[in-house]
Amino acid sequence: MAPVSPATDAPTPAHSDHVAHPPALAWSLGPLRPALPQGALDVWRADLSASEQPLERLLCEQELARAKRLLSASHRRLWIRSRGLLRELLGRYLAEDPSALCFAVDAHGKPHLSGAAQARVEFNLSHSGTLALYAFCADAPVGVDVQADRPSGDDVAIAERILGPLAAAELRAIGDPRERRAQFLRMWTRYEAEAKCVGTGIGADTHTSRARVWGVGLDMGTGAAGAVACTNEPRELRCWEWPPN
């Protein structure tokens, strides 16, 4: 796949309330043995319902215990698949046994590797329904978010409370309810990806730190939105599909 330069996207500044339609970045089947050169940002998109590859065997006891606490069998199955696929991808990047990787979380629940592998790759993951996104970078913290379109209340009111009055005013001015909803999802995923990138919780006052974050929307097709953010503007953004070639 030819790498996509983020410079061609000319994204709006990360602290702006306006979020334009994401560029038509090409998704291609990823490599079996991915590598992360300096300055590269990799994003993987996966359909968690599409593969029968057994991933539960990769999870540790704490992850399996967390999965068992989920009351819904479908949520439990998708969580296991999302976490197992994270381990599978990290194992490929690091050339290590994915089941042997150890994780820790920060104060806001963002996972990171512990031990010697921690300094070798930054990552983040998000899943909504059967859609999952994974971001990997060798030299800067990253955040990623995906949201499937499903009822969530008054989008304008949520934007007013969390994203700010300018975002709410922009949504209020959109007459078509479907386009208003689509724009809200674009705004929200960009906001959440940036918040996860800098390690803050949703609703925190992140204006100052987020102003220094590079972010871009991702084309997720109809009925969903996605975004990725990084504390450094990457030299290349590579968008991969799971499973790989």
Protein backbone atom coordinates (compact mmCIF):
# COMPACT_ATOMS: atom_id res chain seq x y z
CA MET A 1 0.00 0.00 0.00
CA ALA A 2 1.25 3.48 -0.74
CA PRO A 3 1.44 5.42 2.53
CA VAL A 4 -0.96 8.29 2.94
CA SER A 5 0.71 11.50 4.02
CA PRO A 6 -1.27 13.30 6.69
CA ALA A 7 -0.12 16.57 5.16
CA THR A 8 -2.46 15.96 2.23
CA ASP A 9 -5.42 15.94 4.56
CA ALA A 10 -4.83 19.43 5.97
CA PRO A 11 -6.88 18.65 9.11
CA THR A 12 -8.39 21.40 11.18
CA PRO A 13 -6.45 22.20 14.38
CA ALA A 14 -7.13 19.70 17.14
CA HIS A 15 -8.66 22.34 19.43
CA SER A 16 -11.17 23.49 16.82
CA ASP A 17 -14.82 22.62 17.33
CA HIS A 18 -15.32 22.20 13.59
CA VAL A 19 -14.60 18.75 12.22
CA ALA A 20 -14.84 18.33 8.48
CA HIS A 21 -15.75 15.18 6.60
CA PRO A 22 -12.85 12.71 6.90
CA PRO A 23 -10.65 12.26 3.84
CA ALA A 24 -11.04 9.19 1.65
CA LEU A 25 -8.02 7.40 3.09
CA ALA A 26 -7.54 4.00 1.47
CA TRP A 27 -7.82 0.91 3.67
CA SER A 28 -5.70 -1.99 2.44
CA LEU A 29 -5.00 -5.47 3.76
CA GLY A 30 -2.16 -5.15 6.26
CA PRO A 31 1.13 -7.04 6.28
CA LEU A 32 1.59 -10.31 8.16
CA ARG A 33 4.68 -8.95 9.92
CA PRO A 34 4.11 -5.23 10.41
CA ALA A 35 6.95 -2.91 11.36
CA LEU A 36 6.86 0.64 12.71
CA PRO A 37 9.45 2.99 11.23
CA GLN A 38 10.05 6.24 13.05
CA GLY A 39 7.37 8.79 12.21
CA ALA A 40 4.81 6.24 11.02
CA LEU A 41 1.32 5.90 12.49
CA ASP A 42 -0.53 2.67 11.75
CA VAL A 43 -4.30 2.28 12.13
CA TRP A 44 -5.98 -1.10 11.79
CA ARG A 45 -9.71 -1.53 11.17
CA ALA A 46 -11.38 -4.82 12.07
CA ASP A 47 -14.82 -6.37 11.96
CA LEU A 48 -14.95 -8.34 15.20
CA SER A 49 -17.71 -10.57 13.88
CA ALA A 50 -15.96 -11.55 10.65
CA SER A 51 -13.28 -13.97 11.86
CA GLU A 52 -13.50 -17.25 13.70
CA GLN A 53 -9.84 -17.11 14.79
CA PRO A 54 -9.69 -18.22 18.47
CA LEU A 55 -8.44 -15.23 20.44
CA GLU A 56 -9.66 -16.03 23.95
CA ARG A 57 -6.59 -18.24 24.51
CA LEU A 58 -4.37 -15.14 24.28
CA LEU A 59 -5.97 -13.35 27.24
CA CYS A 60 -4.57 -13.38 30.77
CA GLU A 61 -6.56 -14.37 33.86
CA GLN A 62 -7.37 -10.75 34.74
CA GLU A 63 -8.75 -10.08 31.24
CA LEU A 64 -10.86 -13.22 31.31
CA ALA A 65 -12.20 -12.27 34.75
CA ARG A 66 -13.12 -8.81 33.46
CA ALA A 67 -14.90 -10.35 30.48
CA LYS A 68 -16.95 -12.61 32.76
CA ARG A 69 -18.25 -9.52 34.60
CA LEU A 70 -19.96 -8.32 31.42
CA LEU A 71 -23.59 -9.36 31.68
CA SER A 72 -24.34 -9.51 27.95
CA ALA A 73 -22.98 -12.58 26.15
CA SER A 74 -22.58 -10.60 22.92
CA HIS A 75 -20.71 -7.77 24.68
CA ARG A 76 -18.53 -10.35 26.41
CA ARG A 77 -17.70 -12.07 23.12
CA LEU A 78 -16.85 -8.78 21.35
CA TRP A 79 -14.73 -7.54 24.27
CA ILE A 80 -12.74 -10.78 24.25
CA ARG A 81 -12.22 -10.51 20.50
CA SER A 82 -11.21 -6.85 20.69
CA ARG A 83 -8.66 -7.52 23.43
CA GLY A 84 -7.39 -10.71 21.83
CA LEU A 85 -6.86 -8.94 18.53
CA LEU A 86 -4.93 -6.18 20.32
CA ARG A 87 -2.61 -8.84 21.72
CA GLU A 88 -2.30 -10.50 18.31
CA LEU A 89 -1.33 -7.22 16.62
CA LEU A 90 1.11 -6.20 19.35
CA GLY A 91 2.71 -9.65 19.19
CA ARG A 92 3.24 -9.21 15.45
CA TYR A 93 4.75 -5.73 15.82
CA LEU A 94 7.04 -6.81 18.66
CA ALA A 95 7.77 -10.33 17.35
CA GLU A 96 6.77 -11.69 20.75
CA ASP A 97 4.29 -14.21 22.11
CA PRO A 98 1.03 -12.21 22.35
CA SER A 99 -0.19 -14.23 25.33
CA ALA A 100 2.94 -13.29 27.32
CA LEU A 101 2.45 -9.51 27.03
CA CYS A 102 1.66 -7.67 30.26
CA PHE A 103 -0.52 -4.58 30.50
CA ALA A 104 -1.09 -1.79 32.98
CA VAL A 105 -3.59 1.08 32.86
CA ASP A 106 -3.31 4.76 33.70
CA ALA A 107 -5.66 6.73 35.95
CA HIS A 108 -8.23 7.05 33.17
CA GLY A 109 -8.10 3.41 32.10
CA LYS A 110 -5.85 3.80 29.04
CA PRO A 111 -3.89 0.56 28.64
CA HIS A 112 -0.16 0.42 28.02
CA LEU A 113 2.46 -2.28 27.98
CA SER A 114 4.53 -2.90 31.09
CA GLY A 115 8.03 -4.25 31.30
CA ALA A 116 10.66 -4.08 28.56
CA ALA A 117 8.11 -3.86 25.74
CA GLN A 118 6.65 -0.60 27.07
CA ALA A 119 9.25 1.64 25.40
CA ARG A 120 8.97 -0.04 21.99
CA VAL A 121 5.44 0.86 20.89
CA GLU A 122 2.61 3.21 21.80
CA PHE A 123 -0.91 1.98 21.10
CA ASN A 124 -4.59 2.55 21.68
CA LEU A 125 -7.79 0.73 20.82
CA SER A 126 -11.52 1.37 20.56
CA HIS A 127 -14.49 -0.73 19.60
CA SER A 128 -18.17 0.01 19.12
CA GLY A 129 -20.43 -2.89 18.32
CA THR A 130 -18.56 -5.11 15.87
CA LEU A 131 -16.25 -2.31 14.64
CA ALA A 132 -12.77 -1.95 16.12
CA LEU A 133 -9.86 0.43 15.54
CA TYR A 134 -6.27 -0.01 16.71
CA ALA A 135 -3.51 2.62 16.48
CA PHE A 136 0.24 2.01 16.81
CA CYS A 137 3.19 4.40 16.84
CA ALA A 138 6.84 3.91 17.78
CA ASP A 139 7.65 7.37 19.07
CA ALA A 140 4.57 9.24 20.33
CA PRO A 141 1.39 8.60 22.36
CA VAL A 142 -1.72 7.89 20.28
CA GLY A 143 -5.47 7.81 20.79
CA VAL A 144 -8.19 6.30 18.63
CA ASP A 145 -11.97 6.18 18.75
CA VAL A 146 -14.78 4.59 16.75
CA GLN A 147 -18.51 5.06 17.23
CA ALA A 148 -21.25 3.10 15.50
CA ASP A 149 -24.40 5.12 14.86
CA ARG A 150 -26.92 4.23 17.54
CA PRO A 151 -29.35 6.30 19.63
CA SER A 152 -27.61 8.33 22.33
CA GLY A 153 -29.99 11.14 23.29
CA ASP A 154 -29.90 14.79 22.29
CA ASP A 155 -26.69 15.26 20.29
CA VAL A 156 -26.84 19.05 20.51
CA ALA A 157 -27.23 18.96 24.30
CA ILE A 158 -24.35 16.49 24.64
CA ALA A 159 -22.17 18.69 22.43
CA GLU A 160 -23.09 21.77 24.48
CA ARG A 161 -22.07 20.01 27.69
CA ILE A 162 -18.89 18.26 26.52
CA LEU A 163 -17.66 19.74 23.23
CA GLY A 164 -18.56 23.37 23.86
CA PRO A 165 -20.99 26.03 22.59
CA LEU A 166 -19.38 26.41 19.14
CA ALA A 167 -19.81 22.71 18.39
CA ALA A 168 -23.40 22.83 19.63
CA ALA A 169 -24.15 25.88 17.46
CA GLU A 170 -22.70 24.14 14.40
CA LEU A 171 -24.86 21.08 14.97
CA ARG A 172 -27.95 23.20 15.65
CA ALA A 173 -27.48 24.87 12.26
CA ILE A 174 -27.61 21.55 10.36
CA GLY A 175 -31.18 21.00 9.23
CA ASP A 176 -30.94 17.37 8.08
CA PRO A 177 -31.13 15.11 11.19
CA ARG A 178 -29.03 12.41 9.54
CA GLU A 179 -26.26 14.84 8.61
CA ARG A 180 -26.45 16.41 12.08
CA ARG A 181 -25.98 12.97 13.60
CA ALA A 182 -23.09 12.14 11.27
CA GLN A 183 -21.35 15.41 12.10
CA PHE A 184 -21.84 14.83 15.83
CA LEU A 185 -20.18 11.42 15.52
CA ARG A 186 -17.26 12.98 13.62
CA MET A 187 -16.89 15.63 16.33
CA TRP A 188 -17.20 13.14 19.15
CA THR A 189 -14.70 10.59 17.82
CA ARG A 190 -12.16 13.35 17.16
CA TYR A 191 -12.65 14.68 20.70
CA GLU A 192 -12.38 11.27 22.33
CA ALA A 193 -9.33 10.22 20.28
CA GLU A 194 -7.55 13.42 21.34
CA ALA A 195 -8.56 12.99 24.99
CA LYS A 196 -7.29 9.40 25.01
CA CYS A 197 -4.09 10.47 23.31
CA VAL A 198 -3.18 12.96 26.05
CA GLY A 199 -4.49 10.68 28.80
CA THR A 200 -7.45 12.65 30.12
CA GLY A 201 -10.98 11.57 30.89
CA ILE A 202 -14.09 12.52 28.94
CA GLY A 203 -15.41 15.84 30.17
CA ALA A 204 -12.07 17.00 31.56
CA ASP A 205 -10.76 20.45 30.68
CA THR A 206 -8.38 19.32 27.95
CA HIS A 207 -8.35 22.47 25.80
CA THR A 208 -4.72 23.39 26.50
CA SER A 209 -3.25 19.91 26.06
CA ARG A 210 -5.47 18.98 23.10
CA ALA A 211 -4.39 22.15 21.28
CA ARG A 212 -1.00 20.46 20.79
CA VAL A 213 -2.41 17.21 19.42
CA TRP A 214 -2.55 16.24 15.74
CA GLY A 215 -5.81 14.51 14.80
CA VAL A 216 -7.69 13.33 11.75
CA GLY A 217 -11.02 11.69 10.99
CA LEU A 218 -11.11 8.23 9.41
CA ASP A 219 -13.51 7.04 6.76
CA MET A 220 -15.55 4.29 8.41
CA GLY A 221 -18.28 4.14 5.77
CA THR A 222 -21.97 4.71 6.36
CA GLY A 223 -23.28 4.49 9.90
CA ALA A 224 -20.06 5.01 11.86
CA ALA A 225 -17.26 7.48 12.50
CA GLY A 226 -13.67 7.13 13.58
CA ALA A 227 -10.65 9.28 14.37
CA VAL A 228 -7.03 8.96 15.39
CA ALA A 229 -4.79 11.43 17.26
CA CYS A 230 -1.09 11.64 18.02
CA THR A 231 1.05 14.04 20.05
CA ASN A 232 3.41 14.32 17.05
CA GLU A 233 2.22 14.86 13.50
CA PRO A 234 3.23 11.61 11.75
CA ARG A 235 5.23 11.57 8.55
CA GLU A 236 2.92 8.89 7.19
CA LEU A 237 -0.47 7.47 8.15
CA ARG A 238 -1.02 3.87 7.08
CA CYS A 239 -4.53 2.41 7.19
CA TRP A 240 -4.71 -1.37 7.34
CA GLU A 241 -7.56 -3.89 7.28
CA TRP A 242 -7.62 -6.98 9.47
CA PRO A 243 -7.06 -9.82 8.70
CA PRO A 244 -3.69 -9.22 7.00
CA ASN A 245 -2.35 -10.63 3.74
